[in-house]
Amino acid sequence: MKLLTALLISLGIATSLATATTQAAGKQWGKFSGNVIDSESSQSVDYNEELHLVFMRGEEKLARDVYTTFSMMYPRARVFGNIDDAEQTHMDAVRDKLAQYDITDPNTNDNIGVFTGKEFGKYFRKTYLLLVEMGELSQLDALYVGAYIEELDIRDIDLCPDEIISQDNGVDSADDCGRAYTDNPDIKRLLNALLKGSESHLRAYVRNIERHIGAGSYEAQVLEQAEVDTILRR
């Protein structure tokens, strides 16, 4: 949906957004396999890993809050209510990881649409408002927003989010944090679980979108089309 990309760019929602353009068994979406907190394999985290965990805590809340809002807006589209439950699990997993490493949780208010982190709170608040506004246009638009969030999440799990890079914090490239950066097996395990959940969520949203536009018609919004096609075939 190129309109989504154009609006994001025109409204200046951070570099990561500006560069982006079914229901199934809901309880299996985003479910974690195994224990993502393993004290025997854990080690210290560096600044880049800490910053990335803090960001991911906010991004998982962003997903939950947007989907919760859409589930009330479009109660017949059960995909939103199913996936917002999974996003709560993701949020809790990142929260527990922050606690494990004695990192301050940026979320001090769990209300929908409220983001309190000093590093990224304003970014997530602005993004939440814009995405909800776009999803208000129609149920199909809301489904596209869901797919957009999941594509963005996949990218930001793997690589350092553009919002982090844009700040004056010494993190200067996509390789400086994220799953591709960390050598901490404990964090890697968490990010792998988040990635698996996001890929499952993307497939669910695309299934719902293609009921409206036709099978095989979905166009990637953030990732390369080939990467999205590979995820959808899994």
C-alpha atoms as a PDB file:
ATOM      1  CA  MET A   1       0.000   0.000   0.000  1.00  0.00           C
ATOM      2  CA  LYS A   2       2.035   2.926  -1.311  1.00  0.00           C
ATOM      3  CA  LEU A   3      -0.366   5.454   0.247  1.00  0.00           C
ATOM      4  CA  LEU A   4       0.758   4.339   3.678  1.00  0.00           C
ATOM      5  CA  THR A   5       4.389   4.979   2.814  1.00  0.00           C
ATOM      6  CA  ALA A   6       3.647   8.368   1.282  1.00  0.00           C
ATOM      7  CA  LEU A   7       1.732   9.559   4.323  1.00  0.00           C
ATOM      8  CA  LEU A   8       4.431   8.369   6.706  1.00  0.00           C
ATOM      9  CA  ILE A   9       7.083  10.207   4.748  1.00  0.00           C
ATOM     10  CA  SER A  10       5.037  13.381   4.468  1.00  0.00           C
ATOM     11  CA  LEU A  11       4.406  13.466   8.196  1.00  0.00           C
ATOM     12  CA  GLY A  12       8.066  12.846   9.043  1.00  0.00           C
ATOM     13  CA  ILE A  13       7.685   9.851  11.345  1.00  0.00           C
ATOM     14  CA  ALA A  14      11.354   8.994  11.927  1.00  0.00           C
ATOM     15  CA  THR A  15      13.768   7.526   9.429  1.00  0.00           C
ATOM     16  CA  SER A  16      12.699   3.930  10.029  1.00  0.00           C
ATOM     17  CA  LEU A  17       9.149   4.797   9.026  1.00  0.00           C
ATOM     18  CA  ALA A  18      10.051   7.147   6.216  1.00  0.00           C
ATOM     19  CA  THR A  19      12.228   4.503   4.528  1.00  0.00           C
ATOM     20  CA  ALA A  20       9.493   1.886   4.670  1.00  0.00           C
ATOM     21  CA  THR A  21       6.949   2.049   2.455  1.00  0.00           C
ATOM     22  CA  THR A  22      -7.491 -14.780   8.917  1.00  0.00           C
ATOM     23  CA  GLN A  23      -8.012 -15.653  11.139  1.00  0.00           C
ATOM     24  CA  ALA A  24      -5.952 -18.657  12.313  1.00  0.00           C
ATOM     25  CA  ALA A  25      -5.497 -20.275  15.665  1.00  0.00           C
ATOM     26  CA  GLY A  26      -4.791 -17.064  17.483  1.00  0.00           C
ATOM     27  CA  LYS A  27      -3.138 -18.531  20.532  1.00  0.00           C
ATOM     28  CA  GLN A  28      -0.341 -19.978  18.435  1.00  0.00           C
ATOM     29  CA  TRP A  29       0.644 -16.584  17.039  1.00  0.00           C
ATOM     30  CA  GLY A  30       3.795 -15.317  18.691  1.00  0.00           C
ATOM     31  CA  LYS A  31       3.935 -18.108  21.274  1.00  0.00           C
ATOM     32  CA  PHE A  32       7.421 -18.589  22.680  1.00  0.00           C
ATOM     33  CA  SER A  33       8.949 -22.054  22.606  1.00  0.00           C
ATOM     34  CA  GLY A  34      11.121 -22.885  25.557  1.00  0.00           C
ATOM     35  CA  ASN A  35      12.544 -20.565  28.174  1.00  0.00           C
ATOM     36  CA  VAL A  36      13.907 -17.354  26.681  1.00  0.00           C
ATOM     37  CA  ILE A  37      15.616 -16.470  29.961  1.00  0.00           C
ATOM     38  CA  ASP A  38      18.470 -18.860  30.605  1.00  0.00           C
ATOM     39  CA  SER A  39      20.668 -17.711  33.463  1.00  0.00           C
ATOM     40  CA  GLU A  40      23.321 -20.320  32.689  1.00  0.00           C
ATOM     41  CA  SER A  41      24.016 -18.862  29.258  1.00  0.00           C
ATOM     42  CA  SER A  42      23.452 -15.216  30.086  1.00  0.00           C
ATOM     43  CA  GLN A  43      26.266 -12.701  30.281  1.00  0.00           C
ATOM     44  CA  SER A  44      26.682  -8.981  30.604  1.00  0.00           C
ATOM     45  CA  VAL A  45      25.153  -6.697  28.001  1.00  0.00           C
ATOM     46  CA  ASP A  46      26.855  -3.750  26.379  1.00  0.00           C
ATOM     47  CA  TYR A  47      25.361  -0.333  25.742  1.00  0.00           C
ATOM     48  CA  ASN A  48      24.184  -1.159  22.232  1.00  0.00           C
ATOM     49  CA  GLU A  49      22.409  -4.316  23.371  1.00  0.00           C
ATOM     50  CA  GLU A  50      20.802  -2.442  26.255  1.00  0.00           C
ATOM     51  CA  LEU A  51      19.547   0.326  23.976  1.00  0.00           C
ATOM     52  CA  HIS A  52      18.106  -2.202  21.561  1.00  0.00           C
ATOM     53  CA  LEU A  53      16.244  -4.068  24.312  1.00  0.00           C
ATOM     54  CA  VAL A  54      14.777  -0.787  25.559  1.00  0.00           C
ATOM     55  CA  PHE A  55      13.640   0.053  22.031  1.00  0.00           C
ATOM     56  CA  MET A  56      12.101  -3.371  21.481  1.00  0.00           C
ATOM     57  CA  ARG A  57      10.123  -3.045  24.705  1.00  0.00           C
ATOM     58  CA  GLY A  58       8.539   0.090  23.224  1.00  0.00           C
ATOM     59  CA  GLU A  59       8.021  -1.385  19.777  1.00  0.00           C
ATOM     60  CA  GLU A  60       6.239  -4.450  21.145  1.00  0.00           C
ATOM     61  CA  LYS A  61       3.987  -2.115  23.169  1.00  0.00           C
ATOM     62  CA  LEU A  62       3.339  -0.090  20.031  1.00  0.00           C
ATOM     63  CA  ALA A  63       2.127  -3.224  18.271  1.00  0.00           C
ATOM     64  CA  ARG A  64      -0.057  -4.279  21.192  1.00  0.00           C
ATOM     65  CA  ASP A  65      -1.592  -0.840  21.600  1.00  0.00           C
ATOM     66  CA  VAL A  66      -2.363  -0.366  17.907  1.00  0.00           C
ATOM     67  CA  TYR A  67      -3.909  -3.831  17.601  1.00  0.00           C
ATOM     68  CA  THR A  68      -5.923  -3.386  20.786  1.00  0.00           C
ATOM     69  CA  THR A  69      -7.282  -0.117  19.398  1.00  0.00           C
ATOM     70  CA  PHE A  70      -8.164  -1.771  16.088  1.00  0.00           C
ATOM     71  CA  SER A  71      -9.785  -4.736  17.839  1.00  0.00           C
ATOM     72  CA  MET A  72     -12.255  -2.303  19.409  1.00  0.00           C
ATOM     73  CA  MET A  73     -12.656  -0.393  16.164  1.00  0.00           C
ATOM     74  CA  TYR A  74     -13.253  -3.520  14.060  1.00  0.00           C
ATOM     75  CA  PRO A  75     -14.606  -6.197  16.411  1.00  0.00           C
ATOM     76  CA  ARG A  76     -15.442  -8.575  13.556  1.00  0.00           C
ATOM     77  CA  ALA A  77     -11.796  -8.683  12.460  1.00  0.00           C
ATOM     78  CA  ARG A  78     -10.675 -11.170  15.089  1.00  0.00           C
ATOM     79  CA  VAL A  79      -7.084 -11.103  13.852  1.00  0.00           C
ATOM     80  CA  PHE A  80      -6.432  -7.914  15.856  1.00  0.00           C
ATOM     81  CA  GLY A  81      -7.679  -9.327  19.140  1.00  0.00           C
ATOM     82  CA  ASN A  82      -5.796 -12.573  18.657  1.00  0.00           C
ATOM     83  CA  ILE A  83      -2.498 -10.889  17.873  1.00  0.00           C
ATOM     84  CA  ASP A  84      -2.701  -8.203  20.570  1.00  0.00           C
ATOM     85  CA  ASP A  85      -2.675 -11.066  23.091  1.00  0.00           C
ATOM     86  CA  ALA A  86       0.529 -12.384  21.534  1.00  0.00           C
ATOM     87  CA  GLU A  87       2.083  -8.909  21.610  1.00  0.00           C
ATOM     88  CA  GLN A  88       1.405  -8.754  25.346  1.00  0.00           C
ATOM     89  CA  THR A  89       3.452 -11.940  25.675  1.00  0.00           C
ATOM     90  CA  HIS A  90       6.232 -10.351  23.646  1.00  0.00           C
ATOM     91  CA  MET A  91       6.141  -7.225  25.799  1.00  0.00           C
ATOM     92  CA  ASP A  92       6.385  -9.310  28.953  1.00  0.00           C
ATOM     93  CA  ALA A  93       9.305 -11.325  27.594  1.00  0.00           C
ATOM     94  CA  VAL A  94      11.309  -8.174  26.846  1.00  0.00           C
ATOM     95  CA  ARG A  95      10.339  -6.720  30.233  1.00  0.00           C
ATOM     96  CA  ASP A  96      11.671  -9.835  31.945  1.00  0.00           C
ATOM     97  CA  LYS A  97      14.894  -9.611  29.975  1.00  0.00           C
ATOM     98  CA  LEU A  98      15.365  -5.986  31.060  1.00  0.00           C
ATOM     99  CA  ALA A  99      14.839  -7.030  34.671  1.00  0.00           C
ATOM    100  CA  GLN A 100      17.286  -9.898  34.320  1.00  0.00           C
ATOM    101  CA  TYR A 101      20.032  -7.481  33.306  1.00  0.00           C
ATOM    102  CA  ASP A 102      18.974  -4.758  35.740  1.00  0.00           C
ATOM    103  CA  ILE A 103      17.991  -2.379  32.921  1.00  0.00           C
ATOM    104  CA  THR A 104      15.335   0.208  33.764  1.00  0.00           C
ATOM    105  CA  ASP A 105      12.020  -0.549  32.097  1.00  0.00           C
ATOM    106  CA  PRO A 106      11.010   2.472  29.962  1.00  0.00           C
ATOM    107  CA  ASN A 107       7.313   1.614  30.332  1.00  0.00           C
ATOM    108  CA  THR A 108       6.033   3.151  33.547  1.00  0.00           C
ATOM    109  CA  ASN A 109       2.426   3.434  32.328  1.00  0.00           C
ATOM    110  CA  ASP A 110       0.735   0.503  30.609  1.00  0.00           C
ATOM    111  CA  ASN A 111      -2.270   2.448  29.318  1.00  0.00           C
ATOM    112  CA  ILE A 112      -3.021   2.129  25.608  1.00  0.00           C
ATOM    113  CA  GLY A 113      -1.257   4.810  23.585  1.00  0.00           C
ATOM    114  CA  VAL A 114       0.927   6.024  26.468  1.00  0.00           C
ATOM    115  CA  PHE A 115       4.701   5.756  25.998  1.00  0.00           C
ATOM    116  CA  THR A 116       6.963   6.969  28.770  1.00  0.00           C
ATOM    117  CA  GLY A 117      10.534   6.033  27.854  1.00  0.00           C
ATOM    118  CA  LYS A 118      12.827   9.038  27.828  1.00  0.00           C
ATOM    119  CA  GLU A 119      14.786   7.753  24.825  1.00  0.00           C
ATOM    120  CA  PHE A 120      11.923   6.714  22.571  1.00  0.00           C
ATOM    121  CA  GLY A 121       8.638   7.646  24.259  1.00  0.00           C
ATOM    122  CA  LYS A 122       7.872  10.607  21.988  1.00  0.00           C
ATOM    123  CA  TYR A 123       8.728   8.592  18.898  1.00  0.00           C
ATOM    124  CA  PHE A 124       6.384   5.756  19.812  1.00  0.00           C
ATOM    125  CA  ARG A 125       3.585   8.119  20.849  1.00  0.00           C
ATOM    126  CA  LYS A 126       3.749   9.976  17.552  1.00  0.00           C
ATOM    127  CA  THR A 127       3.919   6.722  15.611  1.00  0.00           C
ATOM    128  CA  TYR A 128       0.965   5.253  17.500  1.00  0.00           C
ATOM    129  CA  LEU A 129      -1.234   8.259  16.742  1.00  0.00           C
ATOM    130  CA  LEU A 130      -0.351   8.243  13.059  1.00  0.00           C
ATOM    131  CA  LEU A 131      -0.876   4.512  12.568  1.00  0.00           C
ATOM    132  CA  VAL A 132      -4.216   4.575  14.373  1.00  0.00           C
ATOM    133  CA  GLU A 133      -5.304   7.540  12.259  1.00  0.00           C
ATOM    134  CA  MET A 134      -4.449   5.612   9.117  1.00  0.00           C
ATOM    135  CA  GLY A 135      -6.232   2.490  10.334  1.00  0.00           C
ATOM    136  CA  GLU A 136      -9.391   4.493  10.978  1.00  0.00           C
ATOM    137  CA  LEU A 137      -9.898   4.889   7.230  1.00  0.00           C
ATOM    138  CA  SER A 138     -11.153   1.331   6.809  1.00  0.00           C
ATOM    139  CA  GLN A 139     -10.695  -2.197   8.064  1.00  0.00           C
ATOM    140  CA  LEU A 140      -8.458  -2.943   5.076  1.00  0.00           C
ATOM    141  CA  ASP A 141      -6.279   0.047   5.914  1.00  0.00           C
ATOM    142  CA  ALA A 142      -6.016  -1.232   9.483  1.00  0.00           C
ATOM    143  CA  LEU A 143      -4.913  -4.644   8.202  1.00  0.00           C
ATOM    144  CA  TYR A 144      -2.235  -2.960   6.100  1.00  0.00           C
ATOM    145  CA  VAL A 145      -1.066  -1.073   9.200  1.00  0.00           C
ATOM    146  CA  GLY A 146      -0.807  -4.396  11.028  1.00  0.00           C
ATOM    147  CA  ALA A 147       1.292  -5.881   8.243  1.00  0.00           C
ATOM    148  CA  TYR A 148       3.414  -2.741   8.163  1.00  0.00           C
ATOM    149  CA  ILE A 149       4.132  -2.983  11.900  1.00  0.00           C
ATOM    150  CA  GLU A 150       5.154  -6.611  11.583  1.00  0.00           C
ATOM    151  CA  GLU A 151       7.497  -5.926   8.662  1.00  0.00           C
ATOM    152  CA  LEU A 152       9.025  -3.056  10.620  1.00  0.00           C
ATOM    153  CA  ASP A 153       9.348  -5.260  13.693  1.00  0.00           C
ATOM    154  CA  ILE A 154      11.139  -7.963  11.699  1.00  0.00           C
ATOM    155  CA  ARG A 155      13.621  -5.414  10.415  1.00  0.00           C
ATOM    156  CA  ASP A 156      14.152  -3.814  13.823  1.00  0.00           C
ATOM    157  CA  ILE A 157      14.708  -7.173  15.513  1.00  0.00           C
ATOM    158  CA  ASP A 158      17.394  -8.108  13.011  1.00  0.00           C
ATOM    159  CA  LEU A 159      19.157  -4.759  12.620  1.00  0.00           C
ATOM    160  CA  CYS A 160      19.584  -1.574  14.585  1.00  0.00           C
ATOM    161  CA  PRO A 161      16.387   0.495  14.185  1.00  0.00           C
ATOM    162  CA  ASP A 162      16.778   3.736  12.266  1.00  0.00           C
ATOM    163  CA  GLU A 163      15.328   5.693  15.184  1.00  0.00           C
ATOM    164  CA  ILE A 164      18.252   4.568  17.352  1.00  0.00           C
ATOM    165  CA  ILE A 165      20.755   5.440  14.637  1.00  0.00           C
ATOM    166  CA  SER A 166      19.222   8.886  14.141  1.00  0.00           C
ATOM    167  CA  GLN A 167      19.938   9.849  17.747  1.00  0.00           C
ATOM    168  CA  ASP A 168      23.263  11.208  18.982  1.00  0.00           C
ATOM    169  CA  ASN A 169      24.223   8.188  21.036  1.00  0.00           C
ATOM    170  CA  GLY A 170      27.274   6.688  19.352  1.00  0.00           C
ATOM    171  CA  VAL A 171      25.257   4.040  17.487  1.00  0.00           C
ATOM    172  CA  ASP A 172      25.864   4.869  13.856  1.00  0.00           C
ATOM    173  CA  SER A 173      24.889   1.961  11.616  1.00  0.00           C
ATOM    174  CA  ALA A 174      22.366  -0.833  11.193  1.00  0.00           C
ATOM    175  CA  ASP A 175      25.006  -3.364  12.213  1.00  0.00           C
ATOM    176  CA  ASP A 176      25.574  -1.730  15.606  1.00  0.00           C
ATOM    177  CA  CYS A 177      22.705  -3.477  17.408  1.00  0.00           C
ATOM    178  CA  GLY A 178      20.005  -6.074  16.925  1.00  0.00           C
ATOM    179  CA  ARG A 179      20.060  -9.793  16.315  1.00  0.00           C
ATOM    180  CA  ALA A 180      22.857  -9.468  13.772  1.00  0.00           C
ATOM    181  CA  TYR A 181      25.008  -7.645  16.324  1.00  0.00           C
ATOM    182  CA  THR A 182      24.616  -9.440  19.636  1.00  0.00           C
ATOM    183  CA  ASP A 183      26.802 -12.367  20.638  1.00  0.00           C
ATOM    184  CA  ASN A 184      24.857 -12.890  23.856  1.00  0.00           C
ATOM    185  CA  PRO A 185      23.121 -16.282  23.416  1.00  0.00           C
ATOM    186  CA  ASP A 186      20.408 -15.349  25.913  1.00  0.00           C
ATOM    187  CA  ILE A 187      19.440 -12.179  24.058  1.00  0.00           C
ATOM    188  CA  LYS A 188      19.767 -13.968  20.720  1.00  0.00           C
ATOM    189  CA  ARG A 189      17.271 -16.557  21.906  1.00  0.00           C
ATOM    190  CA  LEU A 190      14.776 -13.852  22.873  1.00  0.00           C
ATOM    191  CA  LEU A 191      15.165 -12.049  19.540  1.00  0.00           C
ATOM    192  CA  ASN A 192      14.745 -15.309  17.635  1.00  0.00           C
ATOM    193  CA  ALA A 193      11.468 -15.902  19.464  1.00  0.00           C
ATOM    194  CA  LEU A 194      10.267 -12.345  18.734  1.00  0.00           C
ATOM    195  CA  LEU A 195      11.216 -12.773  15.085  1.00  0.00           C
ATOM    196  CA  LYS A 196       9.300 -16.032  14.780  1.00  0.00           C
ATOM    197  CA  GLY A 197       6.241 -14.372  16.291  1.00  0.00           C
ATOM    198  CA  SER A 198       6.424 -11.367  13.966  1.00  0.00           C
ATOM    199  CA  GLU A 199       6.712 -13.588  10.909  1.00  0.00           C
ATOM    200  CA  SER A 200       3.618 -15.506  12.031  1.00  0.00           C
ATOM    201  CA  HIS A 201       1.729 -12.260  12.587  1.00  0.00           C
ATOM    202  CA  LEU A 202       2.713 -10.963   9.148  1.00  0.00           C
ATOM    203  CA  ARG A 203       1.363 -14.111   7.525  1.00  0.00           C
ATOM    204  CA  ALA A 204      -1.921 -13.694   9.390  1.00  0.00           C
ATOM    205  CA  TYR A 205      -2.354 -10.072   8.330  1.00  0.00           C
ATOM    206  CA  VAL A 206      -1.476 -10.814   4.715  1.00  0.00           C
ATOM    207  CA  ARG A 207      -3.994 -13.662   4.609  1.00  0.00           C
ATOM    208  CA  ASN A 208      -6.661 -11.214   5.719  1.00  0.00           C
ATOM    209  CA  ILE A 209      -5.519  -8.504   3.306  1.00  0.00           C
ATOM    210  CA  GLU A 210      -5.520 -10.870   0.348  1.00  0.00           C
ATOM    211  CA  ARG A 211      -9.104 -11.813   1.027  1.00  0.00           C
ATOM    212  CA  HIS A 212      -9.839  -8.272  -0.136  1.00  0.00           C
ATOM    213  CA  ILE A 213      -7.257  -7.798  -2.889  1.00  0.00           C
ATOM    214  CA  GLY A 214      -6.658 -11.324  -4.187  1.00  0.00           C
ATOM    215  CA  ALA A 215      -4.196 -14.070  -3.357  1.00  0.00           C
ATOM    216  CA  GLY A 216      -0.570 -13.247  -4.072  1.00  0.00           C
ATOM    217  CA  SER A 217      -1.234  -9.507  -4.457  1.00  0.00           C
ATOM    218  CA  TYR A 218       0.341  -8.183  -1.244  1.00  0.00           C
ATOM    219  CA  GLU A 219       3.236  -5.773  -1.789  1.00  0.00           C
ATOM    220  CA  ALA A 220       5.998  -5.420   0.790  1.00  0.00           C
ATOM    221  CA  GLN A 221       5.981  -2.147   2.743  1.00  0.00           C
ATOM    222  CA  VAL A 222       9.262  -2.203   4.675  1.00  0.00           C
ATOM    223  CA  LEU A 223      11.243  -5.301   3.740  1.00  0.00           C
ATOM    224  CA  GLU A 224      12.326  -6.393   0.304  1.00  0.00           C
ATOM    225  CA  GLN A 225       9.579  -8.175  -1.599  1.00  0.00           C
ATOM    226  CA  ALA A 226      11.673 -11.330  -1.885  1.00  0.00           C
ATOM    227  CA  GLU A 227      12.102 -11.493   1.887  1.00  0.00           C
ATOM    228  CA  VAL A 228       8.382 -11.038   2.475  1.00  0.00           C
ATOM    229  CA  ASP A 229       7.553 -13.686  -0.124  1.00  0.00           C
ATOM    230  CA  THR A 230       9.900 -16.118   1.618  1.00  0.00           C
ATOM    231  CA  ILE A 231       8.241 -15.450   4.984  1.00  0.00           C
ATOM    232  CA  LEU A 232       4.776 -15.911   3.490  1.00  0.00           C
ATOM    233  CA  ARG A 233       5.732 -19.300   2.016  1.00  0.00           C
ATOM    234  CA  ARG A 234       6.839 -20.708   5.388  1.00  0.00           C
END
